[in-house]
């Protein structure tokens, strides 16, 4: 299938945006009703205990508060936690 001329400009614009934002990794936080929490794209684990987990995500810090929080898996940019989350706070780092 050949792309028409008006479609070419859209493709060029999308490539430009992708190249410009290639170095920016957003942080994603997901949780389910069973107590599984996954944080992807964080930079540093700041603090960890059974009631609080603190992470740095570049320009923001993320705080998870709860009960029986346990890290179940950790890679360079991903953290899996299990427990009961009661509050999530996200603060801009100054």
C-alpha atoms as a PDB file:
ATOM      1  CA  UNK A   1       0.000   0.000   0.000  1.00  0.00           C
ATOM      2  CA  UNK A   2       1.355   3.399  -0.986  1.00  0.00           C
ATOM      3  CA  UNK A   3       1.013   6.374   1.364  1.00  0.00           C
ATOM      4  CA  UNK A   4      -0.545   9.439  -0.216  1.00  0.00           C
ATOM      5  CA  UNK A   5       1.167  12.826  -0.104  1.00  0.00           C
ATOM      6  CA  UNK A   6      -1.062  14.202   2.679  1.00  0.00           C
ATOM      7  CA  UNK A   7      -0.269  11.124   4.794  1.00  0.00           C
ATOM      8  CA  UNK A   8       3.476  11.698   4.354  1.00  0.00           C
ATOM      9  CA  UNK A   9       3.380  14.898   6.412  1.00  0.00           C
ATOM     10  CA  UNK A  10       1.580  13.113   9.256  1.00  0.00           C
ATOM     11  CA  UNK A  11       4.185  10.351   9.290  1.00  0.00           C
ATOM     12  CA  UNK A  12       7.032  12.914   9.323  1.00  0.00           C
ATOM     13  CA  UNK A  13       5.369  14.753  12.229  1.00  0.00           C
ATOM     14  CA  UNK A  14       4.950  11.517  14.222  1.00  0.00           C
ATOM     15  CA  UNK A  15       8.593  10.565  13.629  1.00  0.00           C
ATOM     16  CA  UNK A  16       9.719  14.012  14.801  1.00  0.00           C
ATOM     17  CA  UNK A  17       7.725  13.709  18.028  1.00  0.00           C
ATOM     18  CA  UNK A  18       8.996  10.176  18.643  1.00  0.00           C
ATOM     19  CA  UNK A  19      12.615  11.240  18.133  1.00  0.00           C
ATOM     20  CA  UNK A  20      12.238  14.301  20.356  1.00  0.00           C
ATOM     21  CA  UNK A  21      10.649  12.346  23.217  1.00  0.00           C
ATOM     22  CA  UNK A  22      12.803   9.224  22.855  1.00  0.00           C
ATOM     23  CA  UNK A  23      14.926  10.118  25.893  1.00  0.00           C
ATOM     24  CA  UNK A  24      11.931  10.815  28.127  1.00  0.00           C
ATOM     25  CA  UNK A  25      10.646   7.753  29.967  1.00  0.00           C
ATOM     26  CA  UNK A  26       7.315   8.306  31.650  1.00  0.00           C
ATOM     27  CA  UNK A  27       6.574   6.597  34.937  1.00  0.00           C
ATOM     28  CA  UNK A  28       3.560   4.284  35.039  1.00  0.00           C
ATOM     29  CA  UNK A  29       1.859   3.113  38.199  1.00  0.00           C
ATOM     30  CA  UNK A  30      -0.791   0.409  38.118  1.00  0.00           C
ATOM     31  CA  UNK A  31      -2.634  -1.382  40.870  1.00  0.00           C
ATOM     32  CA  UNK A  32      -5.425  -3.895  41.055  1.00  0.00           C
ATOM     33  CA  UNK A  33      -8.014  -4.792  43.675  1.00  0.00           C
ATOM     34  CA  UNK A  34      -6.014  -7.851  44.788  1.00  0.00           C
ATOM     35  CA  UNK A  35      -3.131  -5.766  46.152  1.00  0.00           C
ATOM     36  CA  UNK A  36      -0.695  -5.969  43.238  1.00  0.00           C
ATOM     37  CA  UNK A  37       1.117  -2.728  42.415  1.00  0.00           C
ATOM     38  CA  UNK A  38       3.566  -2.199  39.542  1.00  0.00           C
ATOM     39  CA  UNK A  39       5.657   0.938  39.048  1.00  0.00           C
ATOM     40  CA  UNK A  40       7.577   1.215  35.772  1.00  0.00           C
ATOM     41  CA  UNK A  41      10.072   3.878  34.761  1.00  0.00           C
ATOM     42  CA  UNK A  42      11.211   5.079  38.185  1.00  0.00           C
ATOM     43  CA  UNK A  43      14.813   6.129  38.794  1.00  0.00           C
ATOM     44  CA  UNK A  44      15.582   5.308  42.429  1.00  0.00           C
ATOM     45  CA  UNK A  45      14.109   3.520  45.431  1.00  0.00           C
ATOM     46  CA  UNK A  46      14.451   6.046  48.262  1.00  0.00           C
ATOM     47  CA  UNK A  47      12.839   4.311  51.234  1.00  0.00           C
ATOM     48  CA  UNK A  48      11.113   1.013  51.909  1.00  0.00           C
ATOM     49  CA  UNK A  49       9.329  -0.541  54.867  1.00  0.00           C
ATOM     50  CA  UNK A  50       6.030  -2.367  55.497  1.00  0.00           C
ATOM     51  CA  UNK A  51       4.036   0.885  55.617  1.00  0.00           C
ATOM     52  CA  UNK A  52       5.756   3.208  53.111  1.00  0.00           C
ATOM     53  CA  UNK A  53       7.617   2.971  49.818  1.00  0.00           C
ATOM     54  CA  UNK A  54       9.264   6.098  48.394  1.00  0.00           C
ATOM     55  CA  UNK A  55      10.519   6.348  44.814  1.00  0.00           C
ATOM     56  CA  UNK A  56      12.153   9.038  42.729  1.00  0.00           C
ATOM     57  CA  UNK A  57      10.780   9.314  39.202  1.00  0.00           C
ATOM     58  CA  UNK A  58      12.945  12.152  37.923  1.00  0.00           C
ATOM     59  CA  UNK A  59      11.061  15.400  38.448  1.00  0.00           C
ATOM     60  CA  UNK A  60       8.630  13.754  40.881  1.00  0.00           C
ATOM     61  CA  UNK A  61       8.698  11.582  43.978  1.00  0.00           C
ATOM     62  CA  UNK A  62       6.064   8.879  44.503  1.00  0.00           C
ATOM     63  CA  UNK A  63       5.019   7.743  47.984  1.00  0.00           C
ATOM     64  CA  UNK A  64       2.936   4.608  48.559  1.00  0.00           C
ATOM     65  CA  UNK A  65       1.401   4.237  52.027  1.00  0.00           C
ATOM     66  CA  UNK A  66      -0.350   1.146  53.306  1.00  0.00           C
ATOM     67  CA  UNK A  67      -0.129  -2.056  55.296  1.00  0.00           C
ATOM     68  CA  UNK A  68       1.997  -5.159  54.723  1.00  0.00           C
ATOM     69  CA  UNK A  69       3.750  -3.668  51.686  1.00  0.00           C
ATOM     70  CA  UNK A  70       6.245  -6.161  50.270  1.00  0.00           C
ATOM     71  CA  UNK A  71       8.477  -5.810  47.222  1.00  0.00           C
ATOM     72  CA  UNK A  72       7.917  -8.960  45.174  1.00  0.00           C
ATOM     73  CA  UNK A  73      10.166  -8.126  42.206  1.00  0.00           C
ATOM     74  CA  UNK A  74      12.592  -5.396  41.259  1.00  0.00           C
ATOM     75  CA  UNK A  75      14.502  -4.621  38.067  1.00  0.00           C
ATOM     76  CA  UNK A  76      16.445  -1.544  37.010  1.00  0.00           C
ATOM     77  CA  UNK A  77      13.281   0.403  36.066  1.00  0.00           C
ATOM     78  CA  UNK A  78      10.388  -1.678  37.398  1.00  0.00           C
ATOM     79  CA  UNK A  79       9.115  -2.483  40.869  1.00  0.00           C
ATOM     80  CA  UNK A  80       6.374  -4.934  41.834  1.00  0.00           C
ATOM     81  CA  UNK A  81       4.767  -4.591  45.253  1.00  0.00           C
ATOM     82  CA  UNK A  82       2.086  -6.544  47.060  1.00  0.00           C
ATOM     83  CA  UNK A  83       0.022  -5.160  49.929  1.00  0.00           C
ATOM     84  CA  UNK A  84      -2.858  -2.954  50.942  1.00  0.00           C
ATOM     85  CA  UNK A  85      -2.366   0.594  49.640  1.00  0.00           C
ATOM     86  CA  UNK A  86      -4.231   3.285  51.569  1.00  0.00           C
ATOM     87  CA  UNK A  87      -2.750   6.385  49.934  1.00  0.00           C
ATOM     88  CA  UNK A  88      -0.551   7.420  47.000  1.00  0.00           C
ATOM     89  CA  UNK A  89       1.156  10.813  46.925  1.00  0.00           C
ATOM     90  CA  UNK A  90       3.061  12.319  44.010  1.00  0.00           C
ATOM     91  CA  UNK A  91       5.177  15.416  44.655  1.00  0.00           C
ATOM     92  CA  UNK A  92       7.252  17.545  42.342  1.00  0.00           C
ATOM     93  CA  UNK A  93      10.952  17.542  43.237  1.00  0.00           C
ATOM     94  CA  UNK A  94      12.410  21.015  43.656  1.00  0.00           C
END
